[in-house]
Amino acid sequence: MKLDINSLQKTFEAHANSQTAAGQKAYLKNHFEFLGIKTPIRREIQKPFLQKAYVAEKAQRRDVVDILWSMPEREYQYFAQELIFTARKKIEKGELDLIEKMVTQKSWWDTVDFLATKLAAQFFILYPDSIYPTIDRWLQSDNIWLIRTAILFQLHYKEKTDTDLLSTIILSQPGSKEFFINKAIGWALRHYSRTNPTWVRSFLETYDLHPLSRREGGRLLEL
């Protein structure tokens, strides 16, 4: 079954709001255009289009991403990643490049964080042998969004978090002045401190992290 992009566009455009769009655009530093559909409304009106059948096959998933990622309004990228997420357990090993495409094109935290903590997270659960070679390649790249994805993909792993890997990832960024990397490090540590506060406390006491990472990472701890 093929997704009817024209019908999706008509539905989204019928709910456009220029005033809301202006605020959304400003919130993301004017990097993207918006139709001005608030998230709860978008998720309600997109329900008829959010079917696994539209992305049941590998070729369908690529087609959806190619089309929707090329559209100027941000709502279409949100829809694309949420649609792909419905088929997350069917993602094939050879589709890592599809996730990387979404991470590295039209990149900002609003899509990258979803892709990292949901799609990349699920991909590595399905294909654990891909974790180390992929993460190593991402860390060697100059792309801050791939690095942020490496930092955050274990965010919801809880007890299954590979702390050796998390430590390696964080310590691979010494002296980084990149806000989105240092913020992600703090977020990952803070989130994991809910599961293993002893490990996070020891890590923060052992290593000299960027002040932002340290502050965010220790927010739930008594340091």
Protein backbone atom coordinates (compact mmCIF):
# COMPACT_ATOMS: atom_id res chain seq x y z
CA MET A 1 0.00 0.00 0.00
CA LYS A 2 1.36 3.41 -0.97
CA LEU A 3 1.08 6.49 1.22
CA ASP A 4 -1.07 9.19 -0.41
CA ILE A 5 1.24 12.18 -0.03
CA ASN A 6 -1.22 14.55 -1.71
CA SER A 7 -3.98 13.67 0.75
CA LEU A 8 -1.55 14.07 3.64
CA GLN A 9 -0.56 17.51 2.35
CA LYS A 10 -4.16 18.62 1.98
CA THR A 11 -4.97 17.45 5.49
CA PHE A 12 -1.97 19.19 7.00
CA GLU A 13 -2.50 22.40 5.02
CA ALA A 14 -6.14 22.55 6.12
CA HIS A 15 -4.91 22.83 9.71
CA ALA A 16 -2.14 25.37 9.04
CA ASN A 17 -1.88 28.35 11.35
CA SER A 18 0.48 31.16 10.37
CA GLN A 19 0.69 32.61 13.87
CA THR A 20 1.62 29.25 15.38
CA ALA A 21 4.07 28.68 12.52
CA ALA A 22 5.89 31.92 13.30
CA GLY A 23 6.38 30.86 16.91
CA GLN A 24 7.53 27.37 15.97
CA LYS A 25 9.98 28.75 13.44
CA ALA A 26 11.44 31.16 15.97
CA TYR A 27 11.74 28.39 18.58
CA LEU A 28 13.99 26.43 16.23
CA LYS A 29 16.12 29.48 15.43
CA ASN A 30 14.51 29.99 12.00
CA HIS A 31 16.15 26.86 10.61
CA PHE A 32 12.91 25.44 9.21
CA GLU A 33 9.55 26.39 7.79
CA PHE A 34 6.39 25.29 9.57
CA LEU A 35 2.73 24.92 8.70
CA GLY A 36 1.91 25.82 12.28
CA ILE A 37 0.23 22.62 13.43
CA LYS A 38 0.68 21.98 17.14
CA THR A 39 1.89 18.50 18.00
CA PRO A 40 -1.34 17.18 19.62
CA ILE A 41 -3.38 18.33 16.62
CA ARG A 42 -0.87 16.91 14.13
CA ARG A 43 -0.84 13.54 15.84
CA GLU A 44 -4.62 13.42 15.78
CA ILE A 45 -5.08 14.36 12.12
CA GLN A 46 -2.27 12.10 10.92
CA LYS A 47 -3.78 8.96 12.49
CA PRO A 48 -5.49 7.80 9.27
CA PHE A 49 -2.12 8.02 7.51
CA LEU A 50 -0.08 6.37 10.25
CA GLN A 51 -0.34 2.77 9.11
CA LYS A 52 2.36 0.13 9.13
CA ALA A 53 1.22 -0.94 5.67
CA TYR A 54 2.70 2.22 4.18
CA VAL A 55 6.22 1.26 5.28
CA ALA A 56 5.97 -2.52 5.42
CA GLU A 57 8.67 -2.95 2.80
CA LYS A 58 12.21 -1.57 2.66
CA ALA A 59 11.58 0.28 -0.61
CA GLN A 60 8.47 1.92 0.84
CA ARG A 61 10.41 3.20 3.82
CA ARG A 62 13.04 4.77 1.58
CA ASP A 63 10.42 6.36 -0.64
CA VAL A 64 8.62 7.89 2.33
CA VAL A 65 11.80 9.36 3.79
CA ASP A 66 13.03 10.65 0.42
CA ILE A 67 9.77 12.48 -0.27
CA LEU A 68 8.87 13.79 3.17
CA TRP A 69 12.42 14.77 4.13
CA SER A 70 12.61 16.91 0.98
CA MET A 71 9.51 18.92 1.87
CA PRO A 72 10.13 22.35 3.41
CA GLU A 73 7.71 22.25 6.33
CA ARG A 74 8.97 20.55 9.46
CA GLU A 75 5.72 18.74 10.17
CA TYR A 76 6.45 16.36 7.29
CA GLN A 77 9.75 15.28 8.83
CA TYR A 78 7.99 14.70 12.15
CA PHE A 79 5.39 12.57 10.40
CA ALA A 80 8.03 10.64 8.44
CA GLN A 81 10.01 9.60 11.50
CA GLU A 82 6.87 8.67 13.42
CA LEU A 83 5.63 6.60 10.48
CA ILE A 84 8.96 4.78 10.19
CA PHE A 85 8.78 4.15 13.94
CA THR A 86 5.58 2.14 13.46
CA ALA A 87 7.68 -0.38 11.50
CA ARG A 88 10.71 -0.19 13.79
CA LYS A 89 10.82 -3.96 14.41
CA LYS A 90 10.94 -4.60 10.66
CA ILE A 91 13.93 -2.37 9.99
CA GLU A 92 16.59 -4.35 8.17
CA LYS A 93 20.28 -4.30 8.98
CA GLY A 94 21.02 -2.64 5.66
CA GLU A 95 18.82 0.32 6.55
CA LEU A 96 21.26 1.92 8.94
CA ASP A 97 22.01 4.42 6.18
CA LEU A 98 18.33 5.43 6.20
CA ILE A 99 18.57 6.36 9.87
CA GLU A 100 21.84 8.16 9.19
CA LYS A 101 20.23 10.09 6.36
CA MET A 102 17.50 11.37 8.66
CA VAL A 103 20.05 12.25 11.34
CA THR A 104 22.40 14.13 9.00
CA GLN A 105 19.93 15.92 6.73
CA LYS A 106 17.82 18.84 7.97
CA SER A 107 19.41 18.17 11.34
CA TRP A 108 18.37 19.76 14.60
CA TRP A 109 17.69 18.44 18.07
CA ASP A 110 13.93 18.16 17.49
CA THR A 111 14.31 15.30 15.00
CA VAL A 112 17.70 13.93 16.01
CA ASP A 113 16.64 13.18 19.59
CA PHE A 114 13.65 11.15 18.38
CA LEU A 115 15.82 9.32 15.88
CA ALA A 116 18.50 8.61 18.49
CA THR A 117 16.35 7.45 21.38
CA LYS A 118 13.73 5.59 19.34
CA LEU A 119 14.90 4.50 15.89
CA ALA A 120 18.65 4.09 16.48
CA ALA A 121 17.89 2.60 19.90
CA GLN A 122 15.63 -0.04 18.34
CA PHE A 123 18.03 -0.70 15.46
CA PHE A 124 20.84 -1.57 17.86
CA ILE A 125 18.55 -3.83 19.89
CA LEU A 126 17.81 -5.74 16.70
CA TYR A 127 21.43 -5.74 15.50
CA PRO A 128 23.75 -5.55 18.54
CA ASP A 129 26.77 -6.62 16.48
CA SER A 130 26.45 -3.30 14.62
CA ILE A 131 26.82 -1.19 17.75
CA TYR A 132 30.58 -0.92 18.17
CA PRO A 133 31.60 -0.47 14.50
CA THR A 134 28.80 2.04 13.93
CA ILE A 135 29.41 4.06 17.07
CA ASP A 136 33.15 4.13 16.36
CA ARG A 137 32.47 5.47 12.88
CA TRP A 138 30.04 8.09 14.19
CA LEU A 139 32.52 9.26 16.80
CA GLN A 140 35.22 9.59 14.15
CA SER A 141 32.96 11.77 12.03
CA ASP A 142 32.81 15.54 12.25
CA ASN A 143 29.02 15.45 12.37
CA ILE A 144 27.76 16.65 15.74
CA TRP A 145 24.38 15.01 15.16
CA LEU A 146 25.84 11.55 14.62
CA ILE A 147 27.91 12.08 17.77
CA ARG A 148 24.82 13.21 19.68
CA THR A 149 23.00 10.11 18.43
CA ALA A 150 25.85 7.93 19.71
CA ILE A 151 25.59 9.57 23.12
CA LEU A 152 21.82 9.28 23.38
CA PHE A 153 20.82 5.98 21.78
CA GLN A 154 21.02 4.14 25.14
CA LEU A 155 18.93 6.77 26.93
CA HIS A 156 16.05 4.38 27.70
CA TYR A 157 18.06 1.17 28.04
CA LYS A 158 18.09 1.45 31.86
CA GLU A 159 19.67 -1.73 33.32
CA LYS A 160 20.72 -2.83 29.84
CA THR A 161 22.93 0.23 29.37
CA ASP A 162 26.47 -0.69 28.33
CA THR A 163 28.35 1.55 30.76
CA ASP A 164 31.74 0.76 29.22
CA LEU A 165 30.43 1.97 25.89
CA LEU A 166 28.75 5.01 27.43
CA SER A 167 32.01 5.92 29.15
CA THR A 168 33.99 5.48 25.93
CA ILE A 169 31.56 7.66 24.00
CA ILE A 170 31.61 10.46 26.55
CA LEU A 171 35.38 10.41 26.98
CA SER A 172 35.85 10.53 23.21
CA GLN A 173 34.79 14.19 23.32
CA PRO A 174 37.42 15.82 25.57
CA GLY A 175 37.34 19.57 25.56
CA SER A 176 34.38 19.77 23.22
CA LYS A 177 32.83 23.22 23.18
CA GLU A 178 29.83 22.06 21.15
CA PHE A 179 26.66 22.80 23.11
CA PHE A 180 24.63 19.96 21.61
CA ILE A 181 27.30 17.41 22.50
CA ASN A 182 27.91 18.62 26.04
CA LYS A 183 24.18 18.92 26.69
CA ALA A 184 23.62 15.38 25.42
CA ILE A 185 26.35 14.03 27.70
CA GLY A 186 24.67 15.64 30.68
CA TRP A 187 21.27 14.37 29.63
CA ALA A 188 22.54 10.79 29.19
CA LEU A 189 24.21 10.81 32.60
CA ARG A 190 21.25 12.40 34.35
CA HIS A 191 18.85 9.88 32.84
CA TYR A 192 21.06 6.93 33.73
CA SER A 193 21.45 8.24 37.29
CA ARG A 194 17.82 7.20 37.82
CA THR A 195 18.92 3.61 37.22
CA ASN A 196 22.46 3.57 38.59
CA PRO A 197 23.24 6.68 40.64
CA THR A 198 26.39 5.11 42.10
CA TRP A 199 27.96 4.65 38.67
CA VAL A 200 27.09 8.17 37.53
CA ARG A 201 28.34 9.74 40.75
CA SER A 202 31.64 7.88 40.46
CA PHE A 203 31.96 8.86 36.80
CA LEU A 204 31.37 12.54 37.55
CA GLU A 205 33.87 12.46 40.42
CA THR A 206 36.51 10.69 38.32
CA TYR A 207 36.46 12.69 35.10
CA ASP A 208 36.77 16.39 34.39
CA LEU A 209 33.74 17.03 32.19
CA HIS A 210 32.55 20.25 30.65
CA PRO A 211 30.66 22.31 33.30
CA LEU A 212 27.41 21.97 31.34
CA SER A 213 27.73 18.17 31.20
CA ARG A 214 28.63 17.99 34.88
CA ARG A 215 25.78 20.25 35.95
CA GLU A 216 23.18 18.42 33.88
CA GLY A 217 24.53 14.97 34.70
CA GLY A 218 24.53 15.53 38.44
CA ARG A 219 21.22 17.30 38.70
CA LEU A 220 19.52 14.36 40.45
CA LEU A 221 22.50 13.52 42.66
CA GLU A 222 24.01 14.99 45.81
CA LEU A 223 27.56 15.78 44.74
